[in-house]
Amino acid sequence: MGKPHPVELRKRAVSLVEQGNTHTEAARRLCVSIKFVNDMVRLKRESGSLAPKRQGNPGRGKLTGVKGWVERRITAQPDLTIDELTAELAAEHGVKVHRSSVGRLLLRLGLSHKKRPASA
């Protein structure tokens, strides 16, 4: 995902339209798309602001509600594998996710560790 256009460019696009230029003329003058000018004029009209919206995932996912359970489960049984944890999530909570999603959750929680084979 790219970076949003600077607020200064957004202001100049709206300003040109407010001065009586068409959206096409404003887009051509600023070297942006007509859709960008349309979107900025609409954003200014609806919200009164030209600040870009937050990008990316807002932090909600399938595993958000079970973070505490995962922490407690790993604390109770530290040698639990990701595959076993994934199966327990599906059986007990009805949350069906890929094992990589569980692995990323463990990383975010700081609970991952390298499994080593038992030494003789």
PDB file of N, CA and C in Angstrom:
ATOM      1  N   MET A   1       0.847  -1.162   0.000  1.00  0.00           N
ATOM      2  CA  MET A   1       0.000   0.000   0.000  1.00  0.00           C
ATOM      3  C   MET A   1       0.900   1.234   0.000  1.00  0.00           C
ATOM      4  N   GLY A   2       0.613   2.164  -0.887  1.00  0.00           N
ATOM      5  CA  GLY A   2       1.423   3.373  -0.990  1.00  0.00           C
ATOM      6  C   GLY A   2       1.090   4.394   0.077  1.00  0.00           C
ATOM      7  N   LYS A   3       1.894   5.426   0.100  1.00  0.00           N
ATOM      8  CA  LYS A   3       1.662   6.502   1.057  1.00  0.00           C
ATOM      9  C   LYS A   3       0.553   7.420   0.532  1.00  0.00           C
ATOM     10  N   PRO A   4      -0.214   8.018   1.432  1.00  0.00           N
ATOM     11  CA  PRO A   4      -1.245   8.958   0.984  1.00  0.00           C
ATOM     12  C   PRO A   4      -0.610  10.244   0.464  1.00  0.00           C
ATOM     13  N   HIS A   5      -1.334  10.925  -0.412  1.00  0.00           N
ATOM     14  CA  HIS A   5      -0.848  12.205  -0.934  1.00  0.00           C
ATOM     15  C   HIS A   5      -0.721  13.213   0.206  1.00  0.00           C
ATOM     16  N   PRO A   6       0.245  14.112   0.118  1.00  0.00           N
ATOM     17  CA  PRO A   6       0.415  15.118   1.178  1.00  0.00           C
ATOM     18  C   PRO A   6      -0.819  16.009   1.314  1.00  0.00           C
ATOM     19  N   VAL A   7      -1.044  16.485   2.517  1.00  0.00           N
ATOM     20  CA  VAL A   7      -2.200  17.333   2.794  1.00  0.00           C
ATOM     21  C   VAL A   7      -2.121  18.618   1.968  1.00  0.00           C
ATOM     22  N   GLU A   8      -0.921  19.126   1.750  1.00  0.00           N
ATOM     23  CA  GLU A   8      -0.755  20.356   0.951  1.00  0.00           C
ATOM     24  C   GLU A   8      -1.283  20.161  -0.471  1.00  0.00           C
ATOM     25  N   LEU A   9      -0.991  19.020  -1.090  1.00  0.00           N
ATOM     26  CA  LEU A   9      -1.495  18.731  -2.430  1.00  0.00           C
ATOM     27  C   LEU A   9      -3.013  18.600  -2.409  1.00  0.00           C
ATOM     28  N   ARG A  10      -3.542  17.982  -1.387  1.00  0.00           N
ATOM     29  CA  ARG A  10      -4.986  17.838  -1.245  1.00  0.00           C
ATOM     30  C   ARG A  10      -5.646  19.216  -1.152  1.00  0.00           C
ATOM     31  N   LYS A  11      -5.039  20.117  -0.356  1.00  0.00           N
ATOM     32  CA  LYS A  11      -5.583  21.470  -0.206  1.00  0.00           C
ATOM     33  C   LYS A  11      -5.536  22.222  -1.533  1.00  0.00           C
ATOM     34  N   ARG A  12      -4.430  22.074  -2.270  1.00  0.00           N
ATOM     35  CA  ARG A  12      -4.319  22.789  -3.556  1.00  0.00           C
ATOM     36  C   ARG A  12      -5.362  22.295  -4.545  1.00  0.00           C
ATOM     37  N   ALA A  13      -5.641  20.995  -4.553  1.00  0.00           N
ATOM     38  CA  ALA A  13      -6.648  20.453  -5.470  1.00  0.00           C
ATOM     39  C   ALA A  13      -8.034  21.018  -5.152  1.00  0.00           C
ATOM     40  N   VAL A  14      -8.395  21.038  -3.881  1.00  0.00           N
ATOM     41  CA  VAL A  14      -9.705  21.568  -3.479  1.00  0.00           C
ATOM     42  C   VAL A  14      -9.756  23.068  -3.749  1.00  0.00           C
ATOM     43  N   SER A  15      -8.673  23.758  -3.491  1.00  0.00           N
ATOM     44  CA  SER A  15      -8.628  25.206  -3.702  1.00  0.00           C
ATOM     45  C   SER A  15      -8.842  25.557  -5.167  1.00  0.00           C
ATOM     46  N   LEU A  16      -8.213  24.813  -6.061  1.00  0.00           N
ATOM     47  CA  LEU A  16      -8.386  25.080  -7.497  1.00  0.00           C
ATOM     48  C   LEU A  16      -9.848  24.900  -7.919  1.00  0.00           C
ATOM     49  N   VAL A  17     -10.498  23.871  -7.393  1.00  0.00           N
ATOM     50  CA  VAL A  17     -11.907  23.637  -7.739  1.00  0.00           C
ATOM     51  C   VAL A  17     -12.774  24.750  -7.161  1.00  0.00           C
ATOM     52  N   GLU A  18     -12.469  25.168  -5.933  1.00  0.00           N
ATOM     53  CA  GLU A  18     -13.248  26.241  -5.309  1.00  0.00           C
ATOM     54  C   GLU A  18     -13.067  27.576  -6.036  1.00  0.00           C
ATOM     55  N   GLN A  19     -11.942  27.749  -6.719  1.00  0.00           N
ATOM     56  CA  GLN A  19     -11.692  28.982  -7.481  1.00  0.00           C
ATOM     57  C   GLN A  19     -12.416  28.990  -8.817  1.00  0.00           C
ATOM     58  N   GLY A  20     -13.084  27.893  -9.151  1.00  0.00           N
ATOM     59  CA  GLY A  20     -13.868  27.871 -10.378  1.00  0.00           C
ATOM     60  C   GLY A  20     -13.308  26.961 -11.460  1.00  0.00           C
ATOM     61  N   ASN A  21     -12.175  26.339 -11.241  1.00  0.00           N
ATOM     62  CA  ASN A  21     -11.630  25.396 -12.223  1.00  0.00           C
ATOM     63  C   ASN A  21     -12.430  24.098 -12.188  1.00  0.00           C
ATOM     64  N   THR A  22     -12.460  23.416 -13.325  1.00  0.00           N
ATOM     65  CA  THR A  22     -13.120  22.115 -13.351  1.00  0.00           C
ATOM     66  C   THR A  22     -12.200  21.087 -12.697  1.00  0.00           C
ATOM     67  N   HIS A  23     -12.763  19.952 -12.380  1.00  0.00           N
ATOM     68  CA  HIS A  23     -11.967  18.881 -11.777  1.00  0.00           C
ATOM     69  C   HIS A  23     -10.882  18.423 -12.741  1.00  0.00           C
ATOM     70  N   THR A  24     -11.210  18.373 -14.024  1.00  0.00           N
ATOM     71  CA  THR A  24     -10.241  17.958 -15.044  1.00  0.00           C
ATOM     72  C   THR A  24      -9.088  18.954 -15.131  1.00  0.00           C
ATOM     73  N   GLU A  25      -9.396  20.235 -15.125  1.00  0.00           N
ATOM     74  CA  GLU A  25      -8.341  21.257 -15.185  1.00  0.00           C
ATOM     75  C   GLU A  25      -7.438  21.192 -13.961  1.00  0.00           C
ATOM     76  N   ALA A  26      -8.044  21.023 -12.785  1.00  0.00           N
ATOM     77  CA  ALA A  26      -7.261  20.940 -11.552  1.00  0.00           C
ATOM     78  C   ALA A  26      -6.361  19.711 -11.576  1.00  0.00           C
ATOM     79  N   ALA A  27      -6.882  18.589 -12.042  1.00  0.00           N
ATOM     80  CA  ALA A  27      -6.091  17.360 -12.102  1.00  0.00           C
ATOM     81  C   ALA A  27      -4.921  17.517 -13.066  1.00  0.00           C
ATOM     82  N   ARG A  28      -5.186  18.119 -14.219  1.00  0.00           N
ATOM     83  CA  ARG A  28      -4.125  18.310 -15.205  1.00  0.00           C
ATOM     84  C   ARG A  28      -3.054  19.252 -14.664  1.00  0.00           C
ATOM     85  N   ARG A  29      -3.463  20.308 -13.991  1.00  0.00           N
ATOM     86  CA  ARG A  29      -2.509  21.292 -13.476  1.00  0.00           C
ATOM     87  C   ARG A  29      -1.618  20.716 -12.376  1.00  0.00           C
ATOM     88  N   LEU A  30      -2.181  19.825 -11.546  1.00  0.00           N
ATOM     89  CA  LEU A  30      -1.421  19.259 -10.432  1.00  0.00           C
ATOM     90  C   LEU A  30      -0.788  17.901 -10.764  1.00  0.00           C
ATOM     91  N   CYS A  31      -1.018  17.416 -11.986  1.00  0.00           N
ATOM     92  CA  CYS A  31      -0.481  16.115 -12.424  1.00  0.00           C
ATOM     93  C   CYS A  31      -0.980  14.969 -11.541  1.00  0.00           C
ATOM     94  N   VAL A  32      -2.266  14.982 -11.255  1.00  0.00           N
ATOM     95  CA  VAL A  32      -2.903  13.903 -10.501  1.00  0.00           C
ATOM     96  C   VAL A  32      -4.106  13.428 -11.302  1.00  0.00           C
ATOM     97  N   SER A  33      -4.748  12.376 -10.835  1.00  0.00           N
ATOM     98  CA  SER A  33      -5.911  11.855 -11.547  1.00  0.00           C
ATOM     99  C   SER A  33      -7.159  12.673 -11.206  1.00  0.00           C
ATOM    100  N   ILE A  34      -8.129  12.598 -12.107  1.00  0.00           N
ATOM    101  CA  ILE A  34      -9.399  13.278 -11.882  1.00  0.00           C
ATOM    102  C   ILE A  34     -10.097  12.664 -10.675  1.00  0.00           C
ATOM    103  N   LYS A  35      -9.964  11.355 -10.515  1.00  0.00           N
ATOM    104  CA  LYS A  35     -10.577  10.683  -9.368  1.00  0.00           C
ATOM    105  C   LYS A  35     -10.017  11.233  -8.064  1.00  0.00           C
ATOM    106  N   PHE A  36      -8.721  11.508  -8.014  1.00  0.00           N
ATOM    107  CA  PHE A  36      -8.127  12.080  -6.803  1.00  0.00           C
ATOM    108  C   PHE A  36      -8.783  13.417  -6.474  1.00  0.00           C
ATOM    109  N   VAL A  37      -8.954  14.273  -7.474  1.00  0.00           N
ATOM    110  CA  VAL A  37      -9.579  15.574  -7.247  1.00  0.00           C
ATOM    111  C   VAL A  37     -11.021  15.382  -6.795  1.00  0.00           C
ATOM    112  N   ASN A  38     -11.743  14.490  -7.457  1.00  0.00           N
ATOM    113  CA  ASN A  38     -13.130  14.201  -7.054  1.00  0.00           C
ATOM    114  C   ASN A  38     -13.195  13.738  -5.602  1.00  0.00           C
ATOM    115  N   ASP A  39     -12.304  12.812  -5.257  1.00  0.00           N
ATOM    116  CA  ASP A  39     -12.293  12.264  -3.897  1.00  0.00           C
ATOM    117  C   ASP A  39     -11.974  13.340  -2.860  1.00  0.00           C
ATOM    118  N   MET A  40     -11.048  14.237  -3.177  1.00  0.00           N
ATOM    119  CA  MET A  40     -10.665  15.276  -2.221  1.00  0.00           C
ATOM    120  C   MET A  40     -11.796  16.289  -2.014  1.00  0.00           C
ATOM    121  N   VAL A  41     -12.480  16.651  -3.103  1.00  0.00           N
ATOM    122  CA  VAL A  41     -13.603  17.587  -2.993  1.00  0.00           C
ATOM    123  C   VAL A  41     -14.714  16.947  -2.162  1.00  0.00           C
ATOM    124  N   ARG A  42     -14.988  15.672  -2.418  1.00  0.00           N
ATOM    125  CA  ARG A  42     -16.020  14.958  -1.659  1.00  0.00           C
ATOM    126  C   ARG A  42     -15.613  14.829  -0.187  1.00  0.00           C
ATOM    127  N   LEU A  43     -14.351  14.503   0.081  1.00  0.00           N
ATOM    128  CA  LEU A  43     -13.866  14.372   1.458  1.00  0.00           C
ATOM    129  C   LEU A  43     -13.999  15.694   2.212  1.00  0.00           C
ATOM    130  N   LYS A  44     -13.634  16.795   1.550  1.00  0.00           N
ATOM    131  CA  LYS A  44     -13.731  18.115   2.176  1.00  0.00           C
ATOM    132  C   LYS A  44     -15.194  18.462   2.482  1.00  0.00           C
ATOM    133  N   ARG A  45     -16.069  18.142   1.534  1.00  0.00           N
ATOM    134  CA  ARG A  45     -17.488  18.451   1.707  1.00  0.00           C
ATOM    135  C   ARG A  45     -18.115  17.606   2.823  1.00  0.00           C
ATOM    136  N   GLU A  46     -17.769  16.323   2.894  1.00  0.00           N
ATOM    137  CA  GLU A  46     -18.404  15.425   3.857  1.00  0.00           C
ATOM    138  C   GLU A  46     -17.812  15.515   5.260  1.00  0.00           C
ATOM    139  N   SER A  47     -16.485  15.634   5.357  1.00  0.00           N
ATOM    140  CA  SER A  47     -15.873  15.603   6.684  1.00  0.00           C
ATOM    141  C   SER A  47     -15.314  16.951   7.129  1.00  0.00           C
ATOM    142  N   GLY A  48     -15.106  17.855   6.177  1.00  0.00           N
ATOM    143  CA  GLY A  48     -14.540  19.150   6.517  1.00  0.00           C
ATOM    144  C   GLY A  48     -13.034  19.115   6.705  1.00  0.00           C
ATOM    145  N   SER A  49     -12.438  17.965   6.542  1.00  0.00           N
ATOM    146  CA  SER A  49     -10.998  17.809   6.728  1.00  0.00           C
ATOM    147  C   SER A  49     -10.404  17.103   5.516  1.00  0.00           C
ATOM    148  N   LEU A  50      -9.129  17.324   5.289  1.00  0.00           N
ATOM    149  CA  LEU A  50      -8.452  16.648   4.193  1.00  0.00           C
ATOM    150  C   LEU A  50      -7.376  15.684   4.701  1.00  0.00           C
ATOM    151  N   ALA A  51      -7.400  15.410   5.983  1.00  0.00           N
ATOM    152  CA  ALA A  51      -6.416  14.497   6.565  1.00  0.00           C
ATOM    153  C   ALA A  51      -6.653  13.084   6.034  1.00  0.00           C
ATOM    154  N   PRO A  52      -5.582  12.369   5.707  1.00  0.00           N
ATOM    155  CA  PRO A  52      -5.755  11.009   5.201  1.00  0.00           C
ATOM    156  C   PRO A  52      -6.270  10.070   6.289  1.00  0.00           C
ATOM    157  N   LYS A  53      -7.025   9.076   5.864  1.00  0.00           N
ATOM    158  CA  LYS A  53      -7.535   8.081   6.800  1.00  0.00           C
ATOM    159  C   LYS A  53      -6.409   7.122   7.174  1.00  0.00           C
ATOM    160  N   ARG A  54      -6.562   6.456   8.293  1.00  0.00           N
ATOM    161  CA  ARG A  54      -5.566   5.502   8.746  1.00  0.00           C
ATOM    162  C   ARG A  54      -5.522   4.335   7.774  1.00  0.00           C
ATOM    163  N   GLN A  55      -4.317   3.886   7.436  1.00  0.00           N
ATOM    164  CA  GLN A  55      -4.161   2.767   6.520  1.00  0.00           C
ATOM    165  C   GLN A  55      -3.820   1.506   7.291  1.00  0.00           C
ATOM    166  N   GLY A  56      -4.100   0.388   6.664  1.00  0.00           N
ATOM    167  CA  GLY A  56      -3.704  -0.881   7.245  1.00  0.00           C
ATOM    168  C   GLY A  56      -4.778  -1.514   8.105  1.00  0.00           C
ATOM    169  N   ASN A  57      -4.396  -2.615   8.701  1.00  0.00           N
ATOM    170  CA  ASN A  57      -5.299  -3.389   9.537  1.00  0.00           C
ATOM    171  C   ASN A  57      -5.484  -2.693  10.880  1.00  0.00           C
ATOM    172  N   PRO A  58      -6.718  -2.447  11.286  1.00  0.00           N
ATOM    173  CA  PRO A  58      -6.935  -1.770  12.565  1.00  0.00           C
ATOM    174  C   PRO A  58      -6.695  -2.657  13.778  1.00  0.00           C
ATOM    175  N   GLY A  59      -6.240  -3.892  13.602  1.00  0.00           N
ATOM    176  CA  GLY A  59      -5.920  -4.744  14.729  1.00  0.00           C
ATOM    177  C   GLY A  59      -7.003  -5.722  15.119  1.00  0.00           C
ATOM    178  N   ARG A  60      -8.016  -5.826  14.311  1.00  0.00           N
ATOM    179  CA  ARG A  60      -9.064  -6.801  14.593  1.00  0.00           C
ATOM    180  C   ARG A  60      -8.826  -8.013  13.713  1.00  0.00           C
ATOM    181  N   GLY A  61      -8.954  -9.158  14.293  1.00  0.00           N
ATOM    182  CA  GLY A  61      -8.782 -10.387  13.536  1.00  0.00           C
ATOM    183  C   GLY A  61      -9.480 -11.528  14.246  1.00  0.00           C
ATOM    184  N   LYS A  62      -9.380 -12.690  13.675  1.00  0.00           N
ATOM    185  CA  LYS A  62     -10.036 -13.848  14.257  1.00  0.00           C
ATOM    186  C   LYS A  62      -9.486 -14.196  15.635  1.00  0.00           C
ATOM    187  N   LEU A  63      -8.215 -13.896  15.860  1.00  0.00           N
ATOM    188  CA  LEU A  63      -7.571 -14.309  17.112  1.00  0.00           C
ATOM    189  C   LEU A  63      -7.588 -13.234  18.191  1.00  0.00           C
ATOM    190  N   THR A  64      -8.175 -12.087  17.921  1.00  0.00           N
ATOM    191  CA  THR A  64      -8.179 -10.997  18.891  1.00  0.00           C
ATOM    192  C   THR A  64      -8.867 -11.397  20.189  1.00  0.00           C
ATOM    193  N   GLY A  65      -9.972 -12.092  20.091  1.00  0.00           N
ATOM    194  CA  GLY A  65     -10.733 -12.458  21.276  1.00  0.00           C
ATOM    195  C   GLY A  65     -10.142 -13.593  22.096  1.00  0.00           C
ATOM    196  N   VAL A  66      -9.164 -14.303  21.562  1.00  0.00           N
ATOM    197  CA  VAL A  66      -8.617 -15.461  22.277  1.00  0.00           C
ATOM    198  C   VAL A  66      -7.162 -15.260  22.701  1.00  0.00           C
ATOM    199  N   LYS A  67      -6.674 -14.020  22.651  1.00  0.00           N
ATOM    200  CA  LYS A  67      -5.279 -13.771  23.036  1.00  0.00           C
ATOM    201  C   LYS A  67      -4.995 -14.226  24.456  1.00  0.00           C
ATOM    202  N   GLY A  68      -5.855 -13.857  25.371  1.00  0.00           N
ATOM    203  CA  GLY A  68      -5.664 -14.233  26.772  1.00  0.00           C
ATOM    204  C   GLY A  68      -5.675 -15.737  26.960  1.00  0.00           C
ATOM    205  N   TRP A  69      -6.584 -16.414  26.268  1.00  0.00           N
ATOM    206  CA  TRP A  69      -6.659 -17.872  26.360  1.00  0.00           C
ATOM    207  C   TRP A  69      -5.365 -18.506  25.861  1.00  0.00           C
ATOM    208  N   VAL A  70      -4.845 -17.986  24.742  1.00  0.00           N
ATOM    209  CA  VAL A  70      -3.598 -18.530  24.174  1.00  0.00           C
ATOM    210  C   VAL A  70      -2.447 -18.345  25.166  1.00  0.00           C
ATOM    211  N   GLU A  71      -2.355 -17.162  25.774  1.00  0.00           N
ATOM    212  CA  GLU A  71      -1.298 -16.921  26.763  1.00  0.00           C
ATOM    213  C   GLU A  71      -1.398 -17.894  27.934  1.00  0.00           C
ATOM    214  N   ARG A  72      -2.605 -18.071  28.448  1.00  0.00           N
ATOM    215  CA  ARG A  72      -2.780 -18.980  29.573  1.00  0.00           C
ATOM    216  C   ARG A  72      -2.472 -20.422  29.173  1.00  0.00           C
ATOM    217  N   ARG A  73      -2.858 -20.786  27.968  1.00  0.00           N
ATOM    218  CA  ARG A  73      -2.644 -22.164  27.491  1.00  0.00           C
ATOM    219  C   ARG A  73      -1.154 -22.447  27.341  1.00  0.00           C
ATOM    220  N   ILE A  74      -0.409 -21.501  26.781  1.00  0.00           N
ATOM    221  CA  ILE A  74       1.031 -21.688  26.602  1.00  0.00           C
ATOM    222  C   ILE A  74       1.736 -21.690  27.955  1.00  0.00           C
ATOM    223  N   THR A  75       1.268 -20.873  28.880  1.00  0.00           N
ATOM    224  CA  THR A  75       1.860 -20.846  30.215  1.00  0.00           C
ATOM    225  C   THR A  75       1.646 -22.185  30.920  1.00  0.00           C
ATOM    226  N   ALA A  76       0.456 -22.750  30.751  1.00  0.00           N
ATOM    227  CA  ALA A  76       0.140 -24.021  31.390  1.00  0.00           C
ATOM    228  C   ALA A  76       0.894 -25.185  30.752  1.00  0.00           C
ATOM    229  N   GLN A  77       1.062 -25.135  29.434  1.00  0.00           N
ATOM    230  CA  GLN A  77       1.749 -26.226  28.735  1.00  0.00           C
ATOM    231  C   GLN A  77       2.720 -25.624  27.720  1.00  0.00           C
ATOM    232  N   PRO A  78       3.941 -25.295  28.154  1.00  0.00           N
ATOM    233  CA  PRO A  78       4.892 -24.588  27.290  1.00  0.00           C
ATOM    234  C   PRO A  78       5.381 -25.375  26.077  1.00  0.00           C
ATOM    235  N   ASP A  79       5.271 -26.706  26.098  1.00  0.00           N
ATOM    236  CA  ASP A  79       5.771 -27.487  24.967  1.00  0.00           C
ATOM    237  C   ASP A  79       4.703 -27.741  23.909  1.00  0.00           C
ATOM    238  N   LEU A  80       3.598 -27.040  23.988  1.00  0.00           N
ATOM    239  CA  LEU A  80       2.507 -27.168  23.026  1.00  0.00           C
ATOM    240  C   LEU A  80       2.969 -26.648  21.666  1.00  0.00           C
ATOM    241  N   THR A  81       2.740 -27.428  20.611  1.00  0.00           N
ATOM    242  CA  THR A  81       3.150 -26.992  19.276  1.00  0.00           C
ATOM    243  C   THR A  81       2.088 -26.090  18.655  1.00  0.00           C
ATOM    244  N   ILE A  82       2.473 -25.396  17.606  1.00  0.00           N
ATOM    245  CA  ILE A  82       1.540 -24.512  16.910  1.00  0.00           C
ATOM    246  C   ILE A  82       0.393 -25.312  16.310  1.00  0.00           C
ATOM    247  N   ASP A  83       0.701 -26.489  15.766  1.00  0.00           N
ATOM    248  CA  ASP A  83      -0.352 -27.324  15.181  1.00  0.00           C
ATOM    249  C   ASP A  83      -1.354 -27.780  16.248  1.00  0.00           C
ATOM    250  N   GLU A  84      -0.858 -28.146  17.406  1.00  0.00           N
ATOM    251  CA  GLU A  84      -1.757 -28.554  18.488  1.00  0.00           C
ATOM    252  C   GLU A  84      -2.599 -27.370  18.964  1.00  0.00           C
ATOM    253  N   LEU A  85      -1.986 -26.226  19.063  1.00  0.00           N
ATOM    254  CA  LEU A  85      -2.706 -25.025  19.491  1.00  0.00           C
ATOM    255  C   LEU A  85      -3.774 -24.638  18.471  1.00  0.00           C
ATOM    256  N   THR A  86      -3.451 -24.773  17.197  1.00  0.00           N
ATOM    257  CA  THR A  86      -4.418 -24.486  16.130  1.00  0.00           C
ATOM    258  C   THR A  86      -5.614 -25.433  16.220  1.00  0.00           C
ATOM    259  N   ALA A  87      -5.337 -26.711  16.470  1.00  0.00           N
ATOM    260  CA  ALA A  87      -6.425 -27.691  16.594  1.00  0.00           C
ATOM    261  C   ALA A  87      -7.289 -27.398  17.821  1.00  0.00           C
ATOM    262  N   GLU A  88      -6.677 -27.007  18.934  1.00  0.00           N
ATOM    263  CA  GLU A  88      -7.448 -26.679  20.137  1.00  0.00           C
ATOM    264  C   GLU A  88      -8.311 -25.438  19.935  1.00  0.00           C
ATOM    265  N   LEU A  89      -7.790 -24.455  19.228  1.00  0.00           N
ATOM    266  CA  LEU A  89      -8.576 -23.250  18.938  1.00  0.00           C
ATOM    267  C   LEU A  89      -9.821 -23.603  18.127  1.00  0.00           C
ATOM    268  N   ALA A  90      -9.649 -24.488  17.155  1.00  0.00           N
ATOM    269  CA  ALA A  90     -10.793 -24.894  16.333  1.00  0.00           C
ATOM    270  C   ALA A  90     -11.802 -25.695  17.149  1.00  0.00           C
ATOM    271  N   ALA A  91     -11.307 -26.587  18.009  1.00  0.00           N
ATOM    272  CA  ALA A  91     -12.204 -27.454  18.777  1.00  0.00           C
ATOM    273  C   ALA A  91     -12.921 -26.692  19.903  1.00  0.00           C
ATOM    274  N   GLU A  92     -12.187 -25.862  20.643  1.00  0.00           N
ATOM    275  CA  GLU A  92     -12.767 -25.230  21.822  1.00  0.00           C
ATOM    276  C   GLU A  92     -13.453 -23.897  21.545  1.00  0.00           C
ATOM    277  N   HIS A  93     -12.930 -23.147  20.573  1.00  0.00           N
ATOM    278  CA  HIS A  93     -13.467 -21.805  20.320  1.00  0.00           C
ATOM    279  C   HIS A  93     -14.120 -21.664  18.948  1.00  0.00           C
ATOM    280  N   GLY A  94     -14.002 -22.683  18.110  1.00  0.00           N
ATOM    281  CA  GLY A  94     -14.570 -22.609  16.766  1.00  0.00           C
ATOM    282  C   GLY A  94     -13.833 -21.640  15.862  1.00  0.00           C
ATOM    283  N   VAL A  95     -12.582 -21.313  16.214  1.00  0.00           N
ATOM    284  CA  VAL A  95     -11.779 -20.380  15.430  1.00  0.00           C
ATOM    285  C   VAL A  95     -10.884 -21.198  14.507  1.00  0.00           C
ATOM    286  N   LYS A  96     -11.175 -21.146  13.208  1.00  0.00           N
ATOM    287  CA  LYS A  96     -10.382 -21.901  12.240  1.00  0.00           C
ATOM    288  C   LYS A  96      -9.447 -20.937  11.520  1.00  0.00           C
ATOM    289  N   VAL A  97      -8.157 -21.054  11.815  1.00  0.00           N
ATOM    290  CA  VAL A  97      -7.137 -20.212  11.200  1.00  0.00           C
ATOM    291  C   VAL A  97      -5.964 -21.089  10.782  1.00  0.00           C
ATOM    292  N   HIS A  98      -5.119 -20.545   9.928  1.00  0.00           N
ATOM    293  CA  HIS A  98      -3.920 -21.253   9.500  1.00  0.00           C
ATOM    294  C   HIS A  98      -2.891 -21.213  10.614  1.00  0.00           C
ATOM    295  N   ARG A  99      -2.019 -22.190  10.633  1.00  0.00           N
ATOM    296  CA  ARG A  99      -1.003 -22.267  11.676  1.00  0.00           C
ATOM    297  C   ARG A  99      -0.084 -21.049  11.669  1.00  0.00           C
ATOM    298  N   SER A 100       0.109 -20.417  10.511  1.00  0.00           N
ATOM    299  CA  SER A 100       0.968 -19.228  10.451  1.00  0.00           C
ATOM    300  C   SER A 100       0.336 -18.053  11.202  1.00  0.00           C
ATOM    301  N   SER A 101      -0.994 -17.983  11.212  1.00  0.00           N
ATOM    302  CA  SER A 101      -1.676 -16.924  11.976  1.00  0.00           C
ATOM    303  C   SER A 101      -1.438 -17.111  13.464  1.00  0.00           C
ATOM    304  N   VAL A 102      -1.470 -18.349  13.917  1.00  0.00           N
ATOM    305  CA  VAL A 102      -1.205 -18.638  15.325  1.00  0.00           C
ATOM    306  C   VAL A 102       0.250 -18.307  15.646  1.00  0.00           C
ATOM    307  N   GLY A 103       1.152 -18.631  14.714  1.00  0.00           N
ATOM    308  CA  GLY A 103       2.567 -18.318  14.922  1.00  0.00           C
ATOM    309  C   GLY A 103       2.807 -16.819  15.036  1.00  0.00           C
ATOM    310  N   ARG A 104       2.136 -16.033  14.197  1.00  0.00           N
ATOM    311  CA  ARG A 104       2.282 -14.573  14.268  1.00  0.00           C
ATOM    312  C   ARG A 104       1.711 -14.022  15.573  1.00  0.00           C
ATOM    313  N   LEU A 105       0.609 -14.606  16.052  1.00  0.00           N
ATOM    314  CA  LEU A 105       0.046 -14.192  17.339  1.00  0.00           C
ATOM    315  C   LEU A 105       1.047 -14.466  18.461  1.00  0.00           C
ATOM    316  N   LEU A 106       1.669 -15.623  18.429  1.00  0.00           N
ATOM    317  CA  LEU A 106       2.659 -15.957  19.449  1.00  0.00           C
ATOM    318  C   LEU A 106       3.834 -14.983  19.410  1.00  0.00           C
ATOM    319  N   LEU A 107       4.250 -14.612  18.212  1.00  0.00           N
ATOM    320  CA  LEU A 107       5.345 -13.631  18.095  1.00  0.00           C
ATOM    321  C   LEU A 107       4.947 -12.287  18.692  1.00  0.00           C
ATOM    322  N   ARG A 108       3.723 -11.834  18.397  1.00  0.00           N
ATOM    323  CA  ARG A 108       3.259 -10.557  18.940  1.00  0.00           C
ATOM    324  C   ARG A 108       3.163 -10.591  20.462  1.00  0.00           C
ATOM    325  N   LEU A 109       2.824 -11.754  20.995  1.00  0.00           N
ATOM    326  CA  LEU A 109       2.703 -11.895  22.436  1.00  0.00           C
ATOM    327  C   LEU A 109       4.050 -12.175  23.105  1.00  0.00           C
ATOM    328  N   GLY A 110       5.093 -12.377  22.288  1.00  0.00           N
ATOM    329  CA  GLY A 110       6.418 -12.659  22.829  1.00  0.00           C
ATOM    330  C   GLY A 110       6.515 -14.057  23.424  1.00  0.00           C
ATOM    331  N   LEU A 111       5.698 -14.967  22.939  1.00  0.00           N
ATOM    332  CA  LEU A 111       5.657 -16.307  23.510  1.00  0.00           C
ATOM    333  C   LEU A 111       6.341 -17.368  22.658  1.00  0.00           C
ATOM    334  N   SER A 112       6.829 -17.007  21.490  1.00  0.00           N
ATOM    335  CA  SER A 112       7.405 -18.037  20.639  1.00  0.00           C
ATOM    336  C   SER A 112       8.791 -18.407  21.142  1.00  0.00           C
ATOM    337  N   HIS A 113       9.148 -19.602  20.906  1.00  0.00           N
ATOM    338  CA  HIS A 113      10.477 -20.068  21.229  1.00  0.00           C
ATOM    339  C   HIS A 113      10.851 -21.185  20.301  1.00  0.00           C
ATOM    340  N   LYS A 114      12.134 -21.395  20.118  1.00  0.00           N
ATOM    341  CA  LYS A 114      12.594 -22.436  19.217  1.00  0.00           C
ATOM    342  C   LYS A 114      12.477 -23.778  19.914  1.00  0.00           C
ATOM    343  N   LYS A 115      11.844 -24.714  19.239  1.00  0.00           N
ATOM    344  CA  LYS A 115      11.712 -26.044  19.785  1.00  0.00           C
ATOM    345  C   LYS A 115      13.026 -26.786  19.536  1.00  0.00           C
ATOM    346  N   ARG A 116      13.544 -27.414  20.558  1.00  0.00           N
ATOM    347  CA  ARG A 116      14.759 -28.214  20.397  1.00  0.00           C
ATOM    348  C   ARG A 116      14.426 -29.666  20.713  1.00  0.00           C
ATOM    349  N   PRO A 117      15.008 -30.561  19.963  1.00  0.00           N
ATOM    350  CA  PRO A 117      14.776 -31.972  20.263  1.00  0.00           C
ATOM    351  C   PRO A 117      15.377 -32.308  21.629  1.00  0.00           C
ATOM    352  N   ALA A 118      14.766 -33.243  22.284  1.00  0.00           N
ATOM    353  CA  ALA A 118      15.265 -33.651  23.594  1.00  0.00           C
ATOM    354  C   ALA A 118      16.673 -34.201  23.460  1.00  0.00           C
ATOM    355  N   SER A 119      17.573 -33.746  24.316  1.00  0.00           N
ATOM    356  CA  SER A 119      18.956 -34.224  24.259  1.00  0.00           C
ATOM    357  C   SER A 119      19.080 -35.503  25.066  1.00  0.00           C
ATOM    358  N   ALA A 120      19.966 -36.332  24.622  1.00  0.00           N
ATOM    359  CA  ALA A 120      20.129 -37.648  25.254  1.00  0.00           C
ATOM    360  C   ALA A 120      20.964 -37.614  26.501  1.00  0.00           C
TER     361      ALA A 120
END
